[in-house]
């Protein structure tokens, strides 16, 4: 009988402790100084100088044939519907993070050339880091150029 009462109490405690909204309440947000990353058109994306090496799992670059940005740590080239792997994106600001809807880059921004000047939040999945990103340029003519400003670690 003692074990039955203990089991019922434990089950009741766990049930009452459950977060029914299943929402995340603690975020690792990088809100340090902003830096600008620039990849010039026609520059070699395989060279570290042409990659934004954000964490050990994420280094953002873009091929010279145009297309999406991609994570050279996990991909050899971009794939329109999933790149950059290891990240998810939302239009908005980290100050409103709990209300943002994160998706693949392409699903979040639509046509990448229209992303210039919009506030975005990038979630680096492996390290569970959130940072602000604002694209400053998106090269046309399939030269692979782009630039953005992003927040850094606190």
C-alpha atoms as a PDB file:
ATOM      1  CA  UNK A   1       0.000   0.000   0.000  1.00  0.00           C
ATOM      2  CA  UNK A   2       2.870   2.338   0.866  1.00  0.00           C
ATOM      3  CA  UNK A   3       4.358   1.851  -2.618  1.00  0.00           C
ATOM      4  CA  UNK A   4       1.000   2.435  -4.284  1.00  0.00           C
ATOM      5  CA  UNK A   5       0.546   5.768  -2.489  1.00  0.00           C
ATOM      6  CA  UNK A   6       4.160   6.742  -3.309  1.00  0.00           C
ATOM      7  CA  UNK A   7       3.601   5.843  -6.988  1.00  0.00           C
ATOM      8  CA  UNK A   8       0.379   7.855  -7.176  1.00  0.00           C
ATOM      9  CA  UNK A   9       2.061  10.856  -5.502  1.00  0.00           C
ATOM     10  CA  UNK A  10       5.027  10.656  -7.899  1.00  0.00           C
ATOM     11  CA  UNK A  11       2.764  10.375 -10.932  1.00  0.00           C
ATOM     12  CA  UNK A  12       0.662  13.319  -9.761  1.00  0.00           C
ATOM     13  CA  UNK A  13       3.784  15.432  -9.183  1.00  0.00           C
ATOM     14  CA  UNK A  14       5.158  14.677 -12.644  1.00  0.00           C
ATOM     15  CA  UNK A  15       1.787  15.374 -14.265  1.00  0.00           C
ATOM     16  CA  UNK A  16       1.451  18.727 -12.503  1.00  0.00           C
ATOM     17  CA  UNK A  17       5.010  19.680 -13.400  1.00  0.00           C
ATOM     18  CA  UNK A  18       4.562  19.091 -17.118  1.00  0.00           C
ATOM     19  CA  UNK A  19       4.734  22.150 -19.368  1.00  0.00           C
ATOM     20  CA  UNK A  20       1.578  21.765 -21.454  1.00  0.00           C
ATOM     21  CA  UNK A  21       2.727  24.411 -23.934  1.00  0.00           C
ATOM     22  CA  UNK A  22       6.004  22.567 -24.502  1.00  0.00           C
ATOM     23  CA  UNK A  23       7.666  25.944 -25.014  1.00  0.00           C
ATOM     24  CA  UNK A  24      11.283  26.802 -24.511  1.00  0.00           C
ATOM     25  CA  UNK A  25      11.880  29.458 -21.886  1.00  0.00           C
ATOM     26  CA  UNK A  26      15.679  29.759 -21.799  1.00  0.00           C
ATOM     27  CA  UNK A  27      17.569  30.829 -24.907  1.00  0.00           C
ATOM     28  CA  UNK A  28      21.311  31.139 -25.471  1.00  0.00           C
ATOM     29  CA  UNK A  29      21.246  34.468 -27.319  1.00  0.00           C
ATOM     30  CA  UNK A  30      24.410  36.058 -28.639  1.00  0.00           C
ATOM     31  CA  UNK A  31      23.937  39.783 -28.170  1.00  0.00           C
ATOM     32  CA  UNK A  32      27.562  40.879 -28.280  1.00  0.00           C
ATOM     33  CA  UNK A  33      29.141  43.378 -30.638  1.00  0.00           C
ATOM     34  CA  UNK A  34      27.972  43.193 -34.264  1.00  0.00           C
ATOM     35  CA  UNK A  35      30.435  42.212 -36.972  1.00  0.00           C
ATOM     36  CA  UNK A  36      30.088  42.340 -40.735  1.00  0.00           C
ATOM     37  CA  UNK A  37      30.947  39.376 -42.918  1.00  0.00           C
ATOM     38  CA  UNK A  38      31.563  39.916 -46.632  1.00  0.00           C
ATOM     39  CA  UNK A  39      32.078  37.286 -49.314  1.00  0.00           C
ATOM     40  CA  UNK A  40      33.014  39.052 -52.520  1.00  0.00           C
ATOM     41  CA  UNK A  41      31.662  37.767 -55.806  1.00  0.00           C
ATOM     42  CA  UNK A  42      33.788  35.169 -57.568  1.00  0.00           C
ATOM     43  CA  UNK A  43      35.893  34.492 -54.436  1.00  0.00           C
ATOM     44  CA  UNK A  44      36.648  30.860 -53.578  1.00  0.00           C
ATOM     45  CA  UNK A  45      34.077  29.606 -51.020  1.00  0.00           C
ATOM     46  CA  UNK A  46      36.423  26.816 -49.887  1.00  0.00           C
ATOM     47  CA  UNK A  47      38.928  29.314 -48.469  1.00  0.00           C
ATOM     48  CA  UNK A  48      38.353  30.185 -44.794  1.00  0.00           C
ATOM     49  CA  UNK A  49      38.638  33.893 -45.612  1.00  0.00           C
ATOM     50  CA  UNK A  50      35.397  33.528 -47.609  1.00  0.00           C
ATOM     51  CA  UNK A  51      33.492  31.713 -44.852  1.00  0.00           C
ATOM     52  CA  UNK A  52      31.868  33.153 -41.757  1.00  0.00           C
ATOM     53  CA  UNK A  53      33.143  30.635 -39.224  1.00  0.00           C
ATOM     54  CA  UNK A  54      30.601  31.208 -36.456  1.00  0.00           C
ATOM     55  CA  UNK A  55      30.947  28.047 -34.331  1.00  0.00           C
ATOM     56  CA  UNK A  56      32.693  24.678 -34.776  1.00  0.00           C
ATOM     57  CA  UNK A  57      29.541  23.340 -36.465  1.00  0.00           C
ATOM     58  CA  UNK A  58      28.653  26.344 -38.691  1.00  0.00           C
ATOM     59  CA  UNK A  59      30.638  28.200 -41.355  1.00  0.00           C
ATOM     60  CA  UNK A  60      28.436  30.139 -43.801  1.00  0.00           C
ATOM     61  CA  UNK A  61      29.478  30.772 -47.410  1.00  0.00           C
ATOM     62  CA  UNK A  62      27.986  30.832 -50.921  1.00  0.00           C
ATOM     63  CA  UNK A  63      29.040  29.230 -54.216  1.00  0.00           C
ATOM     64  CA  UNK A  64      30.045  31.411 -57.148  1.00  0.00           C
ATOM     65  CA  UNK A  65      27.264  29.895 -59.223  1.00  0.00           C
ATOM     66  CA  UNK A  66      24.761  31.808 -57.102  1.00  0.00           C
ATOM     67  CA  UNK A  67      22.089  30.027 -55.177  1.00  0.00           C
ATOM     68  CA  UNK A  68      21.700  29.770 -51.435  1.00  0.00           C
ATOM     69  CA  UNK A  69      24.120  30.294 -48.638  1.00  0.00           C
ATOM     70  CA  UNK A  70      25.262  27.009 -47.140  1.00  0.00           C
ATOM     71  CA  UNK A  71      27.165  25.580 -44.181  1.00  0.00           C
ATOM     72  CA  UNK A  72      30.479  24.343 -45.540  1.00  0.00           C
ATOM     73  CA  UNK A  73      31.038  22.365 -42.317  1.00  0.00           C
ATOM     74  CA  UNK A  74      28.141  20.056 -43.253  1.00  0.00           C
ATOM     75  CA  UNK A  75      27.605  20.569 -47.006  1.00  0.00           C
ATOM     76  CA  UNK A  76      29.734  20.620 -50.150  1.00  0.00           C
ATOM     77  CA  UNK A  77      27.323  22.986 -51.890  1.00  0.00           C
ATOM     78  CA  UNK A  78      23.909  24.492 -51.294  1.00  0.00           C
ATOM     79  CA  UNK A  79      20.619  22.640 -51.568  1.00  0.00           C
ATOM     80  CA  UNK A  80      17.737  25.033 -52.145  1.00  0.00           C
ATOM     81  CA  UNK A  81      15.240  23.510 -49.732  1.00  0.00           C
ATOM     82  CA  UNK A  82      17.540  22.655 -46.781  1.00  0.00           C
ATOM     83  CA  UNK A  83      20.660  24.843 -46.754  1.00  0.00           C
ATOM     84  CA  UNK A  84      22.398  25.901 -44.658  1.00  0.00           C
ATOM     85  CA  UNK A  85      22.285  22.614 -42.748  1.00  0.00           C
ATOM     86  CA  UNK A  86      22.596  22.853 -38.982  1.00  0.00           C
ATOM     87  CA  UNK A  87      20.718  26.153 -38.866  1.00  0.00           C
ATOM     88  CA  UNK A  88      17.168  27.401 -38.825  1.00  0.00           C
ATOM     89  CA  UNK A  89      15.971  30.937 -39.459  1.00  0.00           C
ATOM     90  CA  UNK A  90      13.162  33.349 -38.656  1.00  0.00           C
ATOM     91  CA  UNK A  91      12.327  36.874 -39.754  1.00  0.00           C
ATOM     92  CA  UNK A  92      12.254  39.068 -36.670  1.00  0.00           C
ATOM     93  CA  UNK A  93      14.353  40.044 -33.679  1.00  0.00           C
ATOM     94  CA  UNK A  94      15.814  38.115 -30.748  1.00  0.00           C
ATOM     95  CA  UNK A  95      13.821  40.401 -28.446  1.00  0.00           C
ATOM     96  CA  UNK A  96      10.714  38.579 -29.730  1.00  0.00           C
ATOM     97  CA  UNK A  97      12.299  35.122 -29.902  1.00  0.00           C
ATOM     98  CA  UNK A  98       9.549  33.176 -28.145  1.00  0.00           C
ATOM     99  CA  UNK A  99       7.073  34.272 -30.826  1.00  0.00           C
ATOM    100  CA  UNK A 100       9.243  33.489 -33.858  1.00  0.00           C
ATOM    101  CA  UNK A 101       8.694  30.550 -36.180  1.00  0.00           C
ATOM    102  CA  UNK A 102      11.987  28.950 -37.259  1.00  0.00           C
ATOM    103  CA  UNK A 103      12.375  27.250 -40.649  1.00  0.00           C
ATOM    104  CA  UNK A 104      14.977  26.546 -43.292  1.00  0.00           C
ATOM    105  CA  UNK A 105      16.600  29.680 -44.708  1.00  0.00           C
ATOM    106  CA  UNK A 106      14.669  29.543 -47.991  1.00  0.00           C
ATOM    107  CA  UNK A 107      11.326  28.906 -46.307  1.00  0.00           C
ATOM    108  CA  UNK A 108      11.940  31.760 -43.863  1.00  0.00           C
ATOM    109  CA  UNK A 109      13.028  34.394 -46.400  1.00  0.00           C
ATOM    110  CA  UNK A 110      11.425  33.327 -49.677  1.00  0.00           C
ATOM    111  CA  UNK A 111      13.635  34.691 -52.451  1.00  0.00           C
ATOM    112  CA  UNK A 112      17.081  35.385 -50.900  1.00  0.00           C
ATOM    113  CA  UNK A 113      17.671  38.546 -52.949  1.00  0.00           C
ATOM    114  CA  UNK A 114      14.695  40.092 -51.133  1.00  0.00           C
ATOM    115  CA  UNK A 115      16.217  39.472 -47.689  1.00  0.00           C
ATOM    116  CA  UNK A 116      18.518  42.510 -47.776  1.00  0.00           C
ATOM    117  CA  UNK A 117      17.669  44.889 -44.952  1.00  0.00           C
ATOM    118  CA  UNK A 118      15.396  42.479 -43.059  1.00  0.00           C
ATOM    119  CA  UNK A 119      16.080  41.504 -39.470  1.00  0.00           C
ATOM    120  CA  UNK A 120      16.580  37.759 -39.057  1.00  0.00           C
ATOM    121  CA  UNK A 121      17.402  35.384 -36.254  1.00  0.00           C
ATOM    122  CA  UNK A 122      19.621  32.381 -36.954  1.00  0.00           C
ATOM    123  CA  UNK A 123      19.446  29.370 -34.649  1.00  0.00           C
ATOM    124  CA  UNK A 124      22.580  27.229 -34.657  1.00  0.00           C
ATOM    125  CA  UNK A 125      21.098  23.896 -33.743  1.00  0.00           C
ATOM    126  CA  UNK A 126      24.110  21.902 -32.467  1.00  0.00           C
ATOM    127  CA  UNK A 127      25.292  24.558 -30.012  1.00  0.00           C
ATOM    128  CA  UNK A 128      21.728  25.865 -29.435  1.00  0.00           C
ATOM    129  CA  UNK A 129      22.733  29.487 -30.089  1.00  0.00           C
ATOM    130  CA  UNK A 130      20.522  32.294 -31.399  1.00  0.00           C
ATOM    131  CA  UNK A 131      21.965  35.361 -33.104  1.00  0.00           C
ATOM    132  CA  UNK A 132      20.745  38.411 -34.997  1.00  0.00           C
ATOM    133  CA  UNK A 133      21.531  38.648 -38.709  1.00  0.00           C
ATOM    134  CA  UNK A 134      20.849  41.423 -41.207  1.00  0.00           C
ATOM    135  CA  UNK A 135      21.871  40.923 -44.821  1.00  0.00           C
ATOM    136  CA  UNK A 136      23.492  44.013 -46.335  1.00  0.00           C
ATOM    137  CA  UNK A 137      23.906  42.691 -49.890  1.00  0.00           C
ATOM    138  CA  UNK A 138      23.001  39.712 -52.077  1.00  0.00           C
ATOM    139  CA  UNK A 139      25.068  39.438 -55.251  1.00  0.00           C
ATOM    140  CA  UNK A 140      23.259  38.878 -58.511  1.00  0.00           C
ATOM    141  CA  UNK A 141      24.618  37.521 -61.804  1.00  0.00           C
ATOM    142  CA  UNK A 142      25.466  34.248 -60.070  1.00  0.00           C
ATOM    143  CA  UNK A 143      28.770  35.489 -58.672  1.00  0.00           C
ATOM    144  CA  UNK A 144      28.210  34.234 -55.094  1.00  0.00           C
ATOM    145  CA  UNK A 145      28.723  37.535 -53.338  1.00  0.00           C
ATOM    146  CA  UNK A 146      26.829  38.473 -50.185  1.00  0.00           C
ATOM    147  CA  UNK A 147      27.315  40.286 -46.925  1.00  0.00           C
ATOM    148  CA  UNK A 148      25.607  40.497 -43.578  1.00  0.00           C
ATOM    149  CA  UNK A 149      25.975  41.929 -40.137  1.00  0.00           C
ATOM    150  CA  UNK A 150      25.524  39.560 -37.203  1.00  0.00           C
ATOM    151  CA  UNK A 151      25.742  39.563 -33.445  1.00  0.00           C
ATOM    152  CA  UNK A 152      28.605  37.845 -31.659  1.00  0.00           C
ATOM    153  CA  UNK A 153      28.992  35.979 -28.396  1.00  0.00           C
ATOM    154  CA  UNK A 154      28.430  38.120 -25.304  1.00  0.00           C
END
